[in-house]
C-alpha atoms as a PDB file:
ATOM      1  CA  MET A   1     -14.091  20.097  -9.008  1.00  0.00           C
ATOM      2  CA  SER A   2     -11.239  18.541  -7.125  1.00  0.00           C
ATOM      3  CA  LEU A   3      -9.430  15.359  -6.139  1.00  0.00           C
ATOM      4  CA  ARG A   4      -8.713  14.884  -2.444  1.00  0.00           C
ATOM      5  CA  PHE A   5      -6.261  12.487  -0.856  1.00  0.00           C
ATOM      6  CA  ASP A   6      -6.046  11.507   2.819  1.00  0.00           C
ATOM      7  CA  LEU A   7      -2.665   9.837   3.315  1.00  0.00           C
ATOM      8  CA  GLY A   8      -3.594   8.613   6.815  1.00  0.00           C
ATOM      9  CA  ALA A   9      -0.602  10.304   8.436  1.00  0.00           C
ATOM     10  CA  PRO A  10       1.788  13.103   7.482  1.00  0.00           C
ATOM     11  CA  LYS A  11       3.964  11.944   4.568  1.00  0.00           C
ATOM     12  CA  ARG A  12       6.670  13.449   2.408  1.00  0.00           C
ATOM     13  CA  ILE A  13       5.265  14.574  -0.961  1.00  0.00           C
ATOM     14  CA  GLN A  14       7.234  15.345  -4.134  1.00  0.00           C
ATOM     15  CA  TYR A  15       4.787  14.851  -7.008  1.00  0.00           C
ATOM     16  CA  ILE A  16       1.273  13.919  -8.123  1.00  0.00           C
ATOM     17  CA  GLY A  17       0.730  11.557 -11.063  1.00  0.00           C
ATOM     18  CA  ILE A  18      -2.567  11.835 -12.948  1.00  0.00           C
ATOM     19  CA  ASN A  19      -3.732   9.558 -15.768  1.00  0.00           C
ATOM     20  CA  GLN A  20      -6.689  11.188 -17.526  1.00  0.00           C
ATOM     21  CA  ARG A  21      -8.947   9.614 -20.108  1.00  0.00           C
ATOM     22  CA  GLU A  22     -10.407  10.987 -23.318  1.00  0.00           C
ATOM     23  CA  ASP A  23     -13.921  12.257 -22.802  1.00  0.00           C
ATOM     24  CA  SER A  24     -14.986  11.644 -26.394  1.00  0.00           C
ATOM     25  CA  THR A  25     -13.701   9.126 -28.911  1.00  0.00           C
ATOM     26  CA  THR A  26     -15.150  11.206 -31.754  1.00  0.00           C
ATOM     27  CA  TYR A  27     -13.534  14.514 -30.783  1.00  0.00           C
ATOM     28  CA  PRO A  28     -10.843  13.523 -28.287  1.00  0.00           C
ATOM     29  CA  ALA A  29      -8.940  16.804 -28.079  1.00  0.00           C
ATOM     30  CA  SER A  30     -11.672  19.411 -28.465  1.00  0.00           C
ATOM     31  CA  ASN A  31     -14.144  17.780 -26.070  1.00  0.00           C
ATOM     32  CA  SER A  32     -11.610  16.534 -23.564  1.00  0.00           C
ATOM     33  CA  ALA A  33     -12.519  16.658 -19.866  1.00  0.00           C
ATOM     34  CA  ARG A  34      -8.838  16.619 -18.947  1.00  0.00           C
ATOM     35  CA  ILE A  35      -7.515  19.094 -16.411  1.00  0.00           C
ATOM     36  CA  LYS A  36      -5.964  22.173 -17.968  1.00  0.00           C
ATOM     37  CA  GLY A  37      -5.390  24.660 -15.141  1.00  0.00           C
ATOM     38  CA  TYR A  38      -4.900  23.392 -11.594  1.00  0.00           C
ATOM     39  CA  ARG A  39      -4.088  24.415  -8.035  1.00  0.00           C
ATOM     40  CA  VAL A  40      -2.578  22.043  -5.465  1.00  0.00           C
ATOM     41  CA  TYR A  41      -3.155  22.526  -1.738  1.00  0.00           C
ATOM     42  CA  VAL A  42      -1.834  20.620   1.273  1.00  0.00           C
ATOM     43  CA  SER A  43      -3.220  20.449   4.789  1.00  0.00           C
ATOM     44  CA  ALA A  44      -2.411  18.843   8.117  1.00  0.00           C
ATOM     45  CA  ASP A  45      -6.071  18.435   9.146  1.00  0.00           C
ATOM     46  CA  GLY A  46      -8.110  18.426   5.894  1.00  0.00           C
ATOM     47  CA  GLN A  47      -9.886  21.645   6.939  1.00  0.00           C
ATOM     48  CA  ASN A  48      -7.296  24.422   6.726  1.00  0.00           C
ATOM     49  CA  TRP A  49      -5.727  24.549   3.260  1.00  0.00           C
ATOM     50  CA  GLY A  50      -3.987  27.922   3.053  1.00  0.00           C
ATOM     51  CA  SER A  51      -2.504  29.097  -0.245  1.00  0.00           C
ATOM     52  CA  PRO A  52      -1.751  26.702  -3.103  1.00  0.00           C
ATOM     53  CA  VAL A  53       1.696  25.090  -3.001  1.00  0.00           C
ATOM     54  CA  LYS A  54       1.611  24.807  -6.807  1.00  0.00           C
ATOM     55  CA  THR A  55      -0.420  26.230  -9.691  1.00  0.00           C
ATOM     56  CA  GLY A  56      -0.041  25.497 -13.371  1.00  0.00           C
ATOM     57  CA  SER A  57      -1.513  23.790 -16.400  1.00  0.00           C
ATOM     58  CA  LEU A  58      -1.311  20.322 -17.904  1.00  0.00           C
ATOM     59  CA  PRO A  59      -1.016  19.592 -21.637  1.00  0.00           C
ATOM     60  CA  ASN A  60      -3.898  17.898 -23.459  1.00  0.00           C
ATOM     61  CA  HIS A  61      -2.041  14.589 -23.900  1.00  0.00           C
ATOM     62  CA  ARG A  62      -2.751  10.928 -23.351  1.00  0.00           C
ATOM     63  CA  GLY A  63      -0.903   9.111 -20.615  1.00  0.00           C
ATOM     64  CA  VAL A  64       0.308  10.070 -17.180  1.00  0.00           C
ATOM     65  CA  GLN A  65       0.992  13.732 -16.445  1.00  0.00           C
ATOM     66  CA  PHE A  66       3.122  14.708 -13.466  1.00  0.00           C
ATOM     67  CA  ILE A  67       2.764  17.729 -11.210  1.00  0.00           C
ATOM     68  CA  ASP A  68       6.070  18.346  -9.446  1.00  0.00           C
ATOM     69  CA  LEU A  69       5.661  19.903  -6.024  1.00  0.00           C
ATOM     70  CA  PRO A  70       8.038  21.700  -3.717  1.00  0.00           C
ATOM     71  CA  MET A  71       9.164  19.083  -1.184  1.00  0.00           C
ATOM     72  CA  THR A  72       6.662  19.179   1.654  1.00  0.00           C
ATOM     73  CA  THR A  73       5.087  16.996   4.315  1.00  0.00           C
ATOM     74  CA  ALA A  74       1.299  16.769   4.673  1.00  0.00           C
ATOM     75  CA  ARG A  75      -1.500  14.344   5.450  1.00  0.00           C
ATOM     76  CA  HIS A  76      -4.091  15.815   3.072  1.00  0.00           C
ATOM     77  CA  VAL A  77      -3.613  16.843  -0.562  1.00  0.00           C
ATOM     78  CA  ARG A  78      -6.172  18.506  -2.835  1.00  0.00           C
ATOM     79  CA  VAL A  79      -5.870  19.027  -6.599  1.00  0.00           C
ATOM     80  CA  GLU A  80      -8.391  21.634  -7.698  1.00  0.00           C
ATOM     81  CA  LYS A  81      -9.370  21.882 -11.365  1.00  0.00           C
ATOM     82  CA  VAL A  82      -9.406  25.539 -12.448  1.00  0.00           C
ATOM     83  CA  ASP A  83     -10.456  24.767 -16.022  1.00  0.00           C
ATOM     84  CA  SER A  84     -10.449  21.887 -18.491  1.00  0.00           C
ATOM     85  CA  GLN A  85      -9.233  21.311 -22.030  1.00  0.00           C
ATOM     86  CA  GLY A  86     -12.837  21.245 -23.296  1.00  0.00           C
ATOM     87  CA  ALA A  87     -15.777  19.677 -21.487  1.00  0.00           C
ATOM     88  CA  ASP A  88     -16.675  20.974 -18.030  1.00  0.00           C
ATOM     89  CA  ARG A  89     -16.258  17.592 -16.355  1.00  0.00           C
ATOM     90  CA  LEU A  90     -13.420  15.720 -14.723  1.00  0.00           C
ATOM     91  CA  ARG A  91     -12.316  12.284 -15.974  1.00  0.00           C
ATOM     92  CA  VAL A  92      -9.395  10.644 -14.174  1.00  0.00           C
ATOM     93  CA  ASP A  93      -8.482   6.961 -14.557  1.00  0.00           C
ATOM     94  CA  GLU A  94      -5.973   6.964 -11.708  1.00  0.00           C
ATOM     95  CA  ALA A  95      -4.020   9.393  -9.574  1.00  0.00           C
ATOM     96  CA  TRP A  96      -1.321   8.961  -6.965  1.00  0.00           C
ATOM     97  CA  ILE A  97       1.005  10.830  -4.662  1.00  0.00           C
ATOM     98  CA  GLY A  98       4.746  10.179  -4.886  1.00  0.00           C
ATOM     99  CA  SER A  99       7.333  10.809  -2.207  1.00  0.00           C
ATOM    100  CA  ALA A 100      10.357  10.540  -4.526  1.00  0.00           C
ATOM    101  CA  TYR A 101      11.189   9.740  -8.127  1.00  0.00           C
ATOM    102  CA  ALA A 102      13.066   6.501  -8.789  1.00  0.00           C
ATOM    103  CA  THR A 103      16.780   6.982  -9.327  1.00  0.00           C
ATOM    104  CA  GLY A 104      19.334   4.759 -11.003  1.00  0.00           C
ATOM    105  CA  GLY A 105      21.967   3.215  -8.884  1.00  0.00           C
END
């Protein structure tokens, strides 16, 4: 299972934010459909993905989780779920691509 983004044109990418829901209100942690292991790919054309630019795992927590990426430019981004925290589904409330973190100033 995966999430795919078409940014419309090549854009600078620094992170992905993912807000995942609980899959079960009775057993929120053990039956969670949240992403555990992931792979992130980028592509210029949406067909040729190459090797992942980032692999890792997300904690089984409520709220937004961030995947920091090496600074890159791409039009297409794919987040591939390797495994989940429990249930073999994918539940995402919202996800977005960020080009830079806000800084104080």
